[in-house]
């Protein structure tokens, strides 16, 4: 996560706007978020399983 204390007010505003957009998008698309999370953790599990063998 980016430390907002060391940024200019313009940079902070850009970051906050991006975060707000992403929050709204995730709230409007819970099915896509859930599908992405499922795929991510399935892929991670496969990678971990490959390391064990």
C-alpha atoms as a PDB file:
ATOM      1  CA  UNK A   1       0.000   0.000   0.000  1.00  0.00           C
ATOM      2  CA  UNK A   2       1.204   3.479  -0.817  1.00  0.00           C
ATOM      3  CA  UNK A   3       2.153   5.788   2.044  1.00  0.00           C
ATOM      4  CA  UNK A   4       0.018   8.884   1.484  1.00  0.00           C
ATOM      5  CA  UNK A   5       2.039  10.988   3.930  1.00  0.00           C
ATOM      6  CA  UNK A   6       4.894  11.529   1.485  1.00  0.00           C
ATOM      7  CA  UNK A   7       2.793  12.561  -1.522  1.00  0.00           C
ATOM      8  CA  UNK A   8       1.561  15.879  -2.827  1.00  0.00           C
ATOM      9  CA  UNK A   9      -2.108  16.730  -2.434  1.00  0.00           C
ATOM     10  CA  UNK A  10      -2.583  16.190  -6.179  1.00  0.00           C
ATOM     11  CA  UNK A  11      -1.101  12.679  -5.995  1.00  0.00           C
ATOM     12  CA  UNK A  12      -3.229  11.880  -2.933  1.00  0.00           C
ATOM     13  CA  UNK A  13      -6.364  12.975  -4.779  1.00  0.00           C
ATOM     14  CA  UNK A  14      -5.513  10.721  -7.728  1.00  0.00           C
ATOM     15  CA  UNK A  15      -4.951   7.725  -5.476  1.00  0.00           C
ATOM     16  CA  UNK A  16      -8.133   8.334  -3.495  1.00  0.00           C
ATOM     17  CA  UNK A  17     -10.143   8.680  -6.718  1.00  0.00           C
ATOM     18  CA  UNK A  18      -8.756   5.365  -7.991  1.00  0.00           C
ATOM     19  CA  UNK A  19      -9.548   3.643  -4.696  1.00  0.00           C
ATOM     20  CA  UNK A  20     -13.096   5.029  -4.683  1.00  0.00           C
ATOM     21  CA  UNK A  21     -13.669   3.830  -8.260  1.00  0.00           C
ATOM     22  CA  UNK A  22     -12.426   0.344  -7.380  1.00  0.00           C
ATOM     23  CA  UNK A  23     -14.617   0.225  -4.245  1.00  0.00           C
ATOM     24  CA  UNK A  24     -17.690   1.117  -6.287  1.00  0.00           C
ATOM     25  CA  UNK A  25     -16.787  -1.340  -9.031  1.00  0.00           C
ATOM     26  CA  UNK A  26     -16.349  -4.187  -6.540  1.00  0.00           C
ATOM     27  CA  UNK A  27     -19.677  -3.336  -4.898  1.00  0.00           C
ATOM     28  CA  UNK A  28     -21.424  -3.318  -8.292  1.00  0.00           C
ATOM     29  CA  UNK A  29     -19.777  -6.551  -9.526  1.00  0.00           C
ATOM     30  CA  UNK A  30     -19.676  -9.049  -6.642  1.00  0.00           C
ATOM     31  CA  UNK A  31     -19.952 -12.004  -9.031  1.00  0.00           C
ATOM     32  CA  UNK A  32     -16.825 -10.954 -10.936  1.00  0.00           C
ATOM     33  CA  UNK A  33     -14.914 -10.343  -7.714  1.00  0.00           C
ATOM     34  CA  UNK A  34     -15.894 -13.762  -6.341  1.00  0.00           C
ATOM     35  CA  UNK A  35     -14.930 -15.474  -9.620  1.00  0.00           C
ATOM     36  CA  UNK A  36     -11.548 -13.703  -9.643  1.00  0.00           C
ATOM     37  CA  UNK A  37     -10.861 -14.649  -6.011  1.00  0.00           C
ATOM     38  CA  UNK A  38     -11.814 -18.277  -6.673  1.00  0.00           C
ATOM     39  CA  UNK A  39      -9.504 -18.474  -9.703  1.00  0.00           C
ATOM     40  CA  UNK A  40      -6.668 -16.793  -7.819  1.00  0.00           C
ATOM     41  CA  UNK A  41      -6.791 -19.174  -4.868  1.00  0.00           C
ATOM     42  CA  UNK A  42      -7.194 -22.243  -7.082  1.00  0.00           C
ATOM     43  CA  UNK A  43      -4.084 -21.206  -9.006  1.00  0.00           C
ATOM     44  CA  UNK A  44      -2.226 -20.528  -5.750  1.00  0.00           C
ATOM     45  CA  UNK A  45      -3.187 -23.963  -4.418  1.00  0.00           C
ATOM     46  CA  UNK A  46      -1.889 -25.615  -7.604  1.00  0.00           C
ATOM     47  CA  UNK A  47       1.409 -23.769  -7.277  1.00  0.00           C
ATOM     48  CA  UNK A  48       1.756 -24.809  -3.624  1.00  0.00           C
ATOM     49  CA  UNK A  49       0.904 -28.424  -4.512  1.00  0.00           C
ATOM     50  CA  UNK A  50       3.576 -28.380  -7.222  1.00  0.00           C
ATOM     51  CA  UNK A  51       6.177 -27.169  -4.708  1.00  0.00           C
ATOM     52  CA  UNK A  52       5.385 -30.029  -2.325  1.00  0.00           C
ATOM     53  CA  UNK A  53       5.988 -32.704  -4.965  1.00  0.00           C
END
